[in-house]
Amino acid sequence: MAGGWARDGAVNDQIDVSTQEAIARMRERNAHRQSGESAEFCVECDEPIPPARREAVPGVQLCVECQSKQDKAWRPQAGMNRKGSKDSQLR
């Protein structure tokens, strides 16, 4: 049920578009991991990357510890508010 001048299903359409954009951003972010050859040594700390990790994650360049640090430091981008409610405009 949409409110105001929006047609029925508009909210679901907004959610679908936002979800697709988030998936596209994550795929773009992870594209380098899935291409190329895996490194034998971490590009950050020069520690050896275990063979099981190189096999499990094609194109891996970081050891588990460095990848964990990088993942914790990464913050997702804020999505676009397509609804444009009064509350969102006041922020």
PDB file of N, CA and C in Angstrom:
ATOM      1  N   MET A   1       0.842  -1.172   0.000  1.00  0.00           N
ATOM      2  CA  MET A   1       0.000   0.000   0.000  1.00  0.00           C
ATOM      3  C   MET A   1       0.887   1.235   0.000  1.00  0.00           C
ATOM      4  N   ALA A   2       0.768   2.039  -0.992  1.00  0.00           N
ATOM      5  CA  ALA A   2       1.538   3.275  -1.087  1.00  0.00           C
ATOM      6  C   ALA A   2       0.708   4.418  -0.522  1.00  0.00           C
ATOM      7  N   GLY A   3       1.382   5.441  -0.097  1.00  0.00           N
ATOM      8  CA  GLY A   3       0.668   6.582   0.458  1.00  0.00           C
ATOM      9  C   GLY A   3       0.764   7.790  -0.452  1.00  0.00           C
ATOM     10  N   GLY A   4      -0.132   8.725  -0.261  1.00  0.00           N
ATOM     11  CA  GLY A   4      -0.069   9.971  -1.035  1.00  0.00           C
ATOM     12  C   GLY A   4      -0.333   9.730  -2.505  1.00  0.00           C
ATOM     13  N   TRP A   5       0.499  10.320  -3.365  1.00  0.00           N
ATOM     14  CA  TRP A   5       0.308  10.242  -4.809  1.00  0.00           C
ATOM     15  C   TRP A   5       1.003   9.030  -5.419  1.00  0.00           C
ATOM     16  N   ALA A   6       1.712   8.289  -4.601  1.00  0.00           N
ATOM     17  CA  ALA A   6       2.458   7.144  -5.131  1.00  0.00           C
ATOM     18  C   ALA A   6       1.505   6.009  -5.489  1.00  0.00           C
ATOM     19  N   ARG A   7       1.856   5.258  -6.482  1.00  0.00           N
ATOM     20  CA  ARG A   7       1.036   4.118  -6.889  1.00  0.00           C
ATOM     21  C   ARG A   7       1.299   2.940  -5.967  1.00  0.00           C
ATOM     22  N   ASP A   8       0.411   1.962  -5.985  1.00  0.00           N
ATOM     23  CA  ASP A   8       0.602   0.762  -5.189  1.00  0.00           C
ATOM     24  C   ASP A   8       1.883   0.055  -5.628  1.00  0.00           C
ATOM     25  N   GLY A   9       2.646  -0.398  -4.671  1.00  0.00           N
ATOM     26  CA  GLY A   9       3.889  -1.102  -4.966  1.00  0.00           C
ATOM     27  C   GLY A   9       5.091  -0.193  -5.105  1.00  0.00           C
ATOM     28  N   ALA A  10       4.923   1.108  -4.993  1.00  0.00           N
ATOM     29  CA  ALA A  10       6.046   2.035  -5.174  1.00  0.00           C
ATOM     30  C   ALA A  10       7.114   1.840  -4.109  1.00  0.00           C
ATOM     31  N   VAL A  11       6.690   1.582  -2.888  1.00  0.00           N
ATOM     32  CA  VAL A  11       7.661   1.387  -1.803  1.00  0.00           C
ATOM     33  C   VAL A  11       8.488   0.136  -2.065  1.00  0.00           C
ATOM     34  N   ASN A  12       7.839  -0.929  -2.505  1.00  0.00           N
ATOM     35  CA  ASN A  12       8.577  -2.152  -2.817  1.00  0.00           C
ATOM     36  C   ASN A  12       9.548  -1.928  -3.970  1.00  0.00           C
ATOM     37  N   ASP A  13       9.140  -1.143  -4.945  1.00  0.00           N
ATOM     38  CA  ASP A  13      10.036  -0.821  -6.065  1.00  0.00           C
ATOM     39  C   ASP A  13      11.268  -0.067  -5.570  1.00  0.00           C
ATOM     40  N   GLN A  14      11.072   0.861  -4.643  1.00  0.00           N
ATOM     41  CA  GLN A  14      12.196   1.607  -4.075  1.00  0.00           C
ATOM     42  C   GLN A  14      13.146   0.674  -3.336  1.00  0.00           C
ATOM     43  N   ILE A  15      12.583  -0.246  -2.577  1.00  0.00           N
ATOM     44  CA  ILE A  15      13.405  -1.210  -1.837  1.00  0.00           C
ATOM     45  C   ILE A  15      14.188  -2.079  -2.809  1.00  0.00           C
ATOM     46  N   ASP A  16      13.524  -2.542  -3.873  1.00  0.00           N
ATOM     47  CA  ASP A  16      14.205  -3.378  -4.870  1.00  0.00           C
ATOM     48  C   ASP A  16      15.371  -2.648  -5.533  1.00  0.00           C
ATOM     49  N   VAL A  17      15.156  -1.400  -5.905  1.00  0.00           N
ATOM     50  CA  VAL A  17      16.215  -0.618  -6.556  1.00  0.00           C
ATOM     51  C   VAL A  17      17.376  -0.401  -5.588  1.00  0.00           C
ATOM     52  N   SER A  18      17.072  -0.055  -4.345  1.00  0.00           N
ATOM     53  CA  SER A  18      18.131   0.162  -3.354  1.00  0.00           C
ATOM     54  C   SER A  18      18.932  -1.114  -3.120  1.00  0.00           C
ATOM     55  N   THR A  19      18.229  -2.232  -3.061  1.00  0.00           N
ATOM     56  CA  THR A  19      18.900  -3.519  -2.868  1.00  0.00           C
ATOM     57  C   THR A  19      19.807  -3.836  -4.052  1.00  0.00           C
ATOM     58  N   GLN A  20      19.311  -3.635  -5.269  1.00  0.00           N
ATOM     59  CA  GLN A  20      20.119  -3.906  -6.457  1.00  0.00           C
ATOM     60  C   GLN A  20      21.360  -3.016  -6.512  1.00  0.00           C
ATOM     61  N   GLU A  21      21.210  -1.757  -6.116  1.00  0.00           N
ATOM     62  CA  GLU A  21      22.364  -0.856  -6.101  1.00  0.00           C
ATOM     63  C   GLU A  21      23.385  -1.292  -5.060  1.00  0.00           C
ATOM     64  N   ALA A  22      22.931  -1.733  -3.901  1.00  0.00           N
ATOM     65  CA  ALA A  22      23.847  -2.206  -2.855  1.00  0.00           C
ATOM     66  C   ALA A  22      24.589  -3.452  -3.326  1.00  0.00           C
ATOM     67  N   ILE A  23      23.894  -4.359  -3.983  1.00  0.00           N
ATOM     68  CA  ILE A  23      24.530  -5.569  -4.508  1.00  0.00           C
ATOM     69  C   ILE A  23      25.567  -5.199  -5.563  1.00  0.00           C
ATOM     70  N   ALA A  24      25.234  -4.264  -6.439  1.00  0.00           N
ATOM     71  CA  ALA A  24      26.177  -3.839  -7.480  1.00  0.00           C
ATOM     72  C   ALA A  24      27.426  -3.221  -6.861  1.00  0.00           C
ATOM     73  N   ARG A  25      27.250  -2.393  -5.801  1.00  0.00           N
ATOM     74  CA  ARG A  25      28.422  -1.797  -5.132  1.00  0.00           C
ATOM     75  C   ARG A  25      29.308  -2.874  -4.513  1.00  0.00           C
ATOM     76  N   MET A  26      28.705  -3.887  -3.874  1.00  0.00           N
ATOM     77  CA  MET A  26      29.498  -4.952  -3.260  1.00  0.00           C
ATOM     78  C   MET A  26      30.214  -5.792  -4.314  1.00  0.00           C
ATOM     79  N   ARG A  27      29.532  -6.065  -5.424  1.00  0.00           N
ATOM     80  CA  ARG A  27      30.183  -6.834  -6.494  1.00  0.00           C
ATOM     81  C   ARG A  27      31.359  -6.062  -7.076  1.00  0.00           C
ATOM     82  N   GLU A  28      31.185  -4.759  -7.235  1.00  0.00           N
ATOM     83  CA  GLU A  28      32.278  -3.923  -7.747  1.00  0.00           C
ATOM     84  C   GLU A  28      33.446  -3.918  -6.763  1.00  0.00           C
ATOM     85  N   ARG A  29      33.119  -3.803  -5.480  1.00  0.00           N
ATOM     86  CA  ARG A  29      34.153  -3.784  -4.438  1.00  0.00           C
ATOM     87  C   ARG A  29      34.921  -5.103  -4.396  1.00  0.00           C
ATOM     88  N   ASN A  30      34.232  -6.210  -4.654  1.00  0.00           N
ATOM     89  CA  ASN A  30      34.853  -7.527  -4.554  1.00  0.00           C
ATOM     90  C   ASN A  30      35.365  -8.063  -5.884  1.00  0.00           C
ATOM     91  N   ALA A  31      35.204  -7.312  -6.959  1.00  0.00           N
ATOM     92  CA  ALA A  31      35.585  -7.799  -8.286  1.00  0.00           C
ATOM     93  C   ALA A  31      37.061  -8.152  -8.358  1.00  0.00           C
ATOM     94  N   HIS A  32      37.916  -7.367  -7.717  1.00  0.00           N
ATOM     95  CA  HIS A  32      39.352  -7.629  -7.794  1.00  0.00           C
ATOM     96  C   HIS A  32      39.724  -8.933  -7.102  1.00  0.00           C
ATOM     97  N   ARG A  33      38.920  -9.367  -6.159  1.00  0.00           N
ATOM     98  CA  ARG A  33      39.223 -10.610  -5.434  1.00  0.00           C
ATOM     99  C   ARG A  33      38.993 -11.833  -6.301  1.00  0.00           C
ATOM    100  N   GLN A  34      38.081 -11.741  -7.233  1.00  0.00           N
ATOM    101  CA  GLN A  34      37.685 -12.910  -8.006  1.00  0.00           C
ATOM    102  C   GLN A  34      38.384 -12.985  -9.348  1.00  0.00           C
ATOM    103  N   SER A  35      39.328 -12.125  -9.574  1.00  0.00           N
ATOM    104  CA  SER A  35      40.026 -12.161 -10.844  1.00  0.00           C
ATOM    105  C   SER A  35      41.523 -12.265 -10.592  1.00  0.00           C
ATOM    106  N   GLY A  36      42.208 -12.792 -11.544  1.00  0.00           N
ATOM    107  CA  GLY A  36      43.654 -12.904 -11.416  1.00  0.00           C
ATOM    108  C   GLY A  36      44.076 -14.084 -10.564  1.00  0.00           C
ATOM    109  N   GLU A  37      45.336 -14.143 -10.358  1.00  0.00           N
ATOM    110  CA  GLU A  37      45.912 -15.245  -9.608  1.00  0.00           C
ATOM    111  C   GLU A  37      46.113 -14.848  -8.154  1.00  0.00           C
ATOM    112  N   SER A  38      45.909 -15.795  -7.268  1.00  0.00           N
ATOM    113  CA  SER A  38      46.094 -15.537  -5.842  1.00  0.00           C
ATOM    114  C   SER A  38      47.569 -15.331  -5.529  1.00  0.00           C
ATOM    115  N   ALA A  39      47.828 -14.421  -4.603  1.00  0.00           N
ATOM    116  CA  ALA A  39      49.204 -14.163  -4.176  1.00  0.00           C
ATOM    117  C   ALA A  39      49.622 -15.218  -3.153  1.00  0.00           C
ATOM    118  N   GLU A  40      50.886 -15.580  -3.179  1.00  0.00           N
ATOM    119  CA  GLU A  40      51.391 -16.527  -2.179  1.00  0.00           C
ATOM    120  C   GLU A  40      51.680 -15.823  -0.862  1.00  0.00           C
ATOM    121  N   PHE A  41      51.987 -14.524  -0.941  1.00  0.00           N
ATOM    122  CA  PHE A  41      52.292 -13.740   0.256  1.00  0.00           C
ATOM    123  C   PHE A  41      51.384 -12.521   0.295  1.00  0.00           C
ATOM    124  N   CYS A  42      50.973 -12.153   1.484  1.00  0.00           N
ATOM    125  CA  CYS A  42      50.080 -11.014   1.686  1.00  0.00           C
ATOM    126  C   CYS A  42      50.752  -9.738   1.170  1.00  0.00           C
ATOM    127  N   VAL A  43      50.000  -8.939   0.427  1.00  0.00           N
ATOM    128  CA  VAL A  43      50.555  -7.705  -0.112  1.00  0.00           C
ATOM    129  C   VAL A  43      50.709  -6.629   0.959  1.00  0.00           C
ATOM    130  N   GLU A  44      50.076  -6.815   2.114  1.00  0.00           N
ATOM    131  CA  GLU A  44      50.170  -5.842   3.206  1.00  0.00           C
ATOM    132  C   GLU A  44      51.311  -6.171   4.167  1.00  0.00           C
ATOM    133  N   CYS A  45      51.335  -7.408   4.665  1.00  0.00           N
ATOM    134  CA  CYS A  45      52.293  -7.757   5.725  1.00  0.00           C
ATOM    135  C   CYS A  45      53.360  -8.746   5.278  1.00  0.00           C
ATOM    136  N   ASP A  46      53.268  -9.246   4.061  1.00  0.00           N
ATOM    137  CA  ASP A  46      54.238 -10.177   3.488  1.00  0.00           C
ATOM    138  C   ASP A  46      54.259 -11.544   4.177  1.00  0.00           C
ATOM    139  N   GLU A  47      53.206 -11.865   4.933  1.00  0.00           N
ATOM    140  CA  GLU A  47      53.085 -13.198   5.535  1.00  0.00           C
ATOM    141  C   GLU A  47      52.556 -14.161   4.471  1.00  0.00           C
ATOM    142  N   PRO A  48      52.909 -15.450   4.566  1.00  0.00           N
ATOM    143  CA  PRO A  48      52.396 -16.408   3.579  1.00  0.00           C
ATOM    144  C   PRO A  48      50.882 -16.595   3.709  1.00  0.00           C
ATOM    145  N   ILE A  49      50.223 -16.716   2.582  1.00  0.00           N
ATOM    146  CA  ILE A  49      48.786 -16.986   2.558  1.00  0.00           C
ATOM    147  C   ILE A  49      48.623 -18.494   2.418  1.00  0.00           C
ATOM    148  N   PRO A  50      47.903 -19.122   3.339  1.00  0.00           N
ATOM    149  CA  PRO A  50      47.757 -20.589   3.288  1.00  0.00           C
ATOM    150  C   PRO A  50      47.149 -21.065   1.966  1.00  0.00           C
ATOM    151  N   PRO A  51      47.607 -22.212   1.473  1.00  0.00           N
ATOM    152  CA  PRO A  51      47.091 -22.743   0.203  1.00  0.00           C
ATOM    153  C   PRO A  51      45.569 -22.927   0.203  1.00  0.00           C
ATOM    154  N   ALA A  52      45.008 -23.320   1.343  1.00  0.00           N
ATOM    155  CA  ALA A  52      43.557 -23.518   1.406  1.00  0.00           C
ATOM    156  C   ALA A  52      42.817 -22.204   1.161  1.00  0.00           C
ATOM    157  N   ARG A  53      43.348 -21.095   1.689  1.00  0.00           N
ATOM    158  CA  ARG A  53      42.720 -19.781   1.459  1.00  0.00           C
ATOM    159  C   ARG A  53      42.864 -19.367   0.002  1.00  0.00           C
ATOM    160  N   ARG A  54      44.028 -19.602  -0.577  1.00  0.00           N
ATOM    161  CA  ARG A  54      44.238 -19.245  -1.992  1.00  0.00           C
ATOM    162  C   ARG A  54      43.295 -20.035  -2.893  1.00  0.00           C
ATOM    163  N   GLU A  55      43.029 -21.272  -2.531  1.00  0.00           N
ATOM    164  CA  GLU A  55      42.122 -22.096  -3.324  1.00  0.00           C
ATOM    165  C   GLU A  55      40.661 -21.688  -3.110  1.00  0.00           C
ATOM    166  N   ALA A  56      40.315 -21.357  -1.864  1.00  0.00           N
ATOM    167  CA  ALA A  56      38.923 -21.010  -1.539  1.00  0.00           C
ATOM    168  C   ALA A  56      38.517 -19.641  -2.067  1.00  0.00           C
ATOM    169  N   VAL A  57      39.467 -18.697  -2.118  1.00  0.00           N
ATOM    170  CA  VAL A  57      39.163 -17.328  -2.543  1.00  0.00           C
ATOM    171  C   VAL A  57      40.043 -16.990  -3.745  1.00  0.00           C
ATOM    172  N   PRO A  58      39.539 -17.216  -4.961  1.00  0.00           N
ATOM    173  CA  PRO A  58      40.351 -16.932  -6.147  1.00  0.00           C
ATOM    174  C   PRO A  58      40.759 -15.460  -6.204  1.00  0.00           C
ATOM    175  N   GLY A  59      42.023 -15.229  -6.487  1.00  0.00           N
ATOM    176  CA  GLY A  59      42.522 -13.866  -6.607  1.00  0.00           C
ATOM    177  C   GLY A  59      42.826 -13.190  -5.282  1.00  0.00           C
ATOM    178  N   VAL A  60      42.869 -13.960  -4.206  1.00  0.00           N
ATOM    179  CA  VAL A  60      43.115 -13.375  -2.882  1.00  0.00           C
ATOM    180  C   VAL A  60      44.507 -12.739  -2.828  1.00  0.00           C
ATOM    181  N   GLN A  61      44.565 -11.566  -2.195  1.00  0.00           N
ATOM    182  CA  GLN A  61      45.829 -10.837  -2.096  1.00  0.00           C
ATOM    183  C   GLN A  61      46.239 -10.579  -0.650  1.00  0.00           C
ATOM    184  N   LEU A  62      45.315 -10.796   0.293  1.00  0.00           N
ATOM    185  CA  LEU A  62      45.576 -10.499   1.698  1.00  0.00           C
ATOM    186  C   LEU A  62      45.419 -11.740   2.562  1.00  0.00           C
ATOM    187  N   CYS A  63      46.213 -11.801   3.630  1.00  0.00           N
ATOM    188  CA  CYS A  63      46.051 -12.880   4.597  1.00  0.00           C
ATOM    189  C   CYS A  63      44.760 -12.632   5.381  1.00  0.00           C
ATOM    190  N   VAL A  64      44.341 -13.604   6.176  1.00  0.00           N
ATOM    191  CA  VAL A  64      43.082 -13.493   6.913  1.00  0.00           C
ATOM    192  C   VAL A  64      43.117 -12.303   7.865  1.00  0.00           C
ATOM    193  N   GLU A  65      44.217 -12.102   8.547  1.00  0.00           N
ATOM    194  CA  GLU A  65      44.313 -11.007   9.519  1.00  0.00           C
ATOM    195  C   GLU A  65      44.199  -9.638   8.831  1.00  0.00           C
ATOM    196  N   CYS A  66      44.925  -9.434   7.756  1.00  0.00           N
ATOM    197  CA  CYS A  66      44.865  -8.150   7.046  1.00  0.00           C
ATOM    198  C   CYS A  66      43.506  -7.939   6.405  1.00  0.00           C
ATOM    199  N   GLN A  67      42.901  -9.020   5.888  1.00  0.00           N
ATOM    200  CA  GLN A  67      41.568  -8.902   5.299  1.00  0.00           C
ATOM    201  C   GLN A  67      40.552  -8.532   6.373  1.00  0.00           C
ATOM    202  N   SER A  68      40.695  -9.104   7.557  1.00  0.00           N
ATOM    203  CA  SER A  68      39.780  -8.775   8.658  1.00  0.00           C
ATOM    204  C   SER A  68      39.903  -7.313   9.051  1.00  0.00           C
ATOM    205  N   LYS A  69      41.133  -6.815   9.125  1.00  0.00           N
ATOM    206  CA  LYS A  69      41.346  -5.395   9.438  1.00  0.00           C
ATOM    207  C   LYS A  69      40.702  -4.503   8.377  1.00  0.00           C
ATOM    208  N   GLN A  70      40.887  -4.861   7.129  1.00  0.00           N
ATOM    209  CA  GLN A  70      40.333  -4.069   6.037  1.00  0.00           C
ATOM    210  C   GLN A  70      38.799  -4.103   6.066  1.00  0.00           C
ATOM    211  N   ASP A  71      38.226  -5.266   6.342  1.00  0.00           N
ATOM    212  CA  ASP A  71      36.771  -5.389   6.405  1.00  0.00           C
ATOM    213  C   ASP A  71      36.191  -4.584   7.558  1.00  0.00           C
ATOM    214  N   LYS A  72      36.877  -4.557   8.690  1.00  0.00           N
ATOM    215  CA  LYS A  72      36.391  -3.790   9.837  1.00  0.00           C
ATOM    216  C   LYS A  72      36.479  -2.290   9.575  1.00  0.00           C
ATOM    217  N   ALA A  73      37.471  -1.863   8.813  1.00  0.00           N
ATOM    218  CA  ALA A  73      37.657  -0.441   8.530  1.00  0.00           C
ATOM    219  C   ALA A  73      36.674   0.060   7.478  1.00  0.00           C
ATOM    220  N   TRP A  74      36.162  -0.829   6.646  1.00  0.00           N
ATOM    221  CA  TRP A  74      35.254  -0.432   5.572  1.00  0.00           C
ATOM    222  C   TRP A  74      33.892  -0.087   6.140  1.00  0.00           C
ATOM    223  N   ARG A  75      33.339   1.011   5.689  1.00  0.00           N
ATOM    224  CA  ARG A  75      31.998   1.438   6.093  1.00  0.00           C
ATOM    225  C   ARG A  75      31.132   1.512   4.844  1.00  0.00           C
ATOM    226  N   PRO A  76      29.942   0.917   4.889  1.00  0.00           N
ATOM    227  CA  PRO A  76      29.085   0.977   3.710  1.00  0.00           C
ATOM    228  C   PRO A  76      28.646   2.400   3.404  1.00  0.00           C
ATOM    229  N   GLN A  77      28.432   2.669   2.131  1.00  0.00           N
ATOM    230  CA  GLN A  77      27.958   3.988   1.724  1.00  0.00           C
ATOM    231  C   GLN A  77      26.497   4.124   2.108  1.00  0.00           C
ATOM    232  N   ALA A  78      26.132   5.326   2.471  1.00  0.00           N
ATOM    233  CA  ALA A  78      24.733   5.571   2.792  1.00  0.00           C
ATOM    234  C   ALA A  78      23.916   5.483   1.514  1.00  0.00           C
ATOM    235  N   GLY A  79      22.771   4.847   1.617  1.00  0.00           N
ATOM    236  CA  GLY A  79      21.898   4.724   0.462  1.00  0.00           C
ATOM    237  C   GLY A  79      21.154   6.020   0.193  1.00  0.00           C
ATOM    238  N   MET A  80      20.572   6.094  -0.957  1.00  0.00           N
ATOM    239  CA  MET A  80      19.807   7.278  -1.328  1.00  0.00           C
ATOM    240  C   MET A  80      18.395   7.133  -0.776  1.00  0.00           C
ATOM    241  N   ASN A  81      17.893   8.186  -0.162  1.00  0.00           N
ATOM    242  CA  ASN A  81      16.537   8.171   0.345  1.00  0.00           C
ATOM    243  C   ASN A  81      15.604   8.615  -0.778  1.00  0.00           C
ATOM    244  N   ARG A  82      14.977   7.655  -1.431  1.00  0.00           N
ATOM    245  CA  ARG A  82      14.091   7.979  -2.545  1.00  0.00           C
ATOM    246  C   ARG A  82      12.712   8.418  -2.072  1.00  0.00           C
ATOM    247  N   LYS A  83      12.378   8.095  -0.845  1.00  0.00           N
ATOM    248  CA  LYS A  83      11.047   8.427  -0.351  1.00  0.00           C
ATOM    249  C   LYS A  83      10.892   9.931  -0.176  1.00  0.00           C
ATOM    250  N   GLY A  84      11.927  10.594   0.304  1.00  0.00           N
ATOM    251  CA  GLY A  84      11.900  12.041   0.455  1.00  0.00           C
ATOM    252  C   GLY A  84      10.894  12.503   1.475  1.00  0.00           C
ATOM    253  N   SER A  85      10.780  11.790   2.593  1.00  0.00           N
ATOM    254  CA  SER A  85       9.834  12.182   3.626  1.00  0.00           C
ATOM    255  C   SER A  85      10.283  13.485   4.283  1.00  0.00           C
ATOM    256  N   LYS A  86       9.359  14.158   4.950  1.00  0.00           N
ATOM    257  CA  LYS A  86       9.701  15.401   5.624  1.00  0.00           C
ATOM    258  C   LYS A  86      10.772  15.177   6.670  1.00  0.00           C
ATOM    259  N   ASP A  87      10.686  14.049   7.394  1.00  0.00           N
ATOM    260  CA  ASP A  87      11.676  13.760   8.424  1.00  0.00           C
ATOM    261  C   ASP A  87      13.065  13.658   7.837  1.00  0.00           C
ATOM    262  N   SER A  88      13.199  12.995   6.678  1.00  0.00           N
ATOM    263  CA  SER A  88      14.524  12.828   6.082  1.00  0.00           C
ATOM    264  C   SER A  88      15.077  14.148   5.575  1.00  0.00           C
ATOM    265  N   GLN A  89      14.220  15.081   5.192  1.00  0.00           N
ATOM    266  CA  GLN A  89      14.677  16.356   4.686  1.00  0.00           C
ATOM    267  C   GLN A  89      15.106  17.284   5.808  1.00  0.00           C
ATOM    268  N   LEU A  90      14.649  17.020   7.013  1.00  0.00           N
ATOM    269  CA  LEU A  90      15.012  17.862   8.162  1.00  0.00           C
ATOM    270  C   LEU A  90      16.371  17.492   8.733  1.00  0.00           C
ATOM    271  N   ARG A  91      16.869  16.324   8.388  1.00  0.00           N
ATOM    272  CA  ARG A  91      18.151  15.864   8.955  1.00  0.00           C
ATOM    273  C   ARG A  91      19.308  16.542   8.309  1.00  0.00           C
TER     274      ARG A  91
END
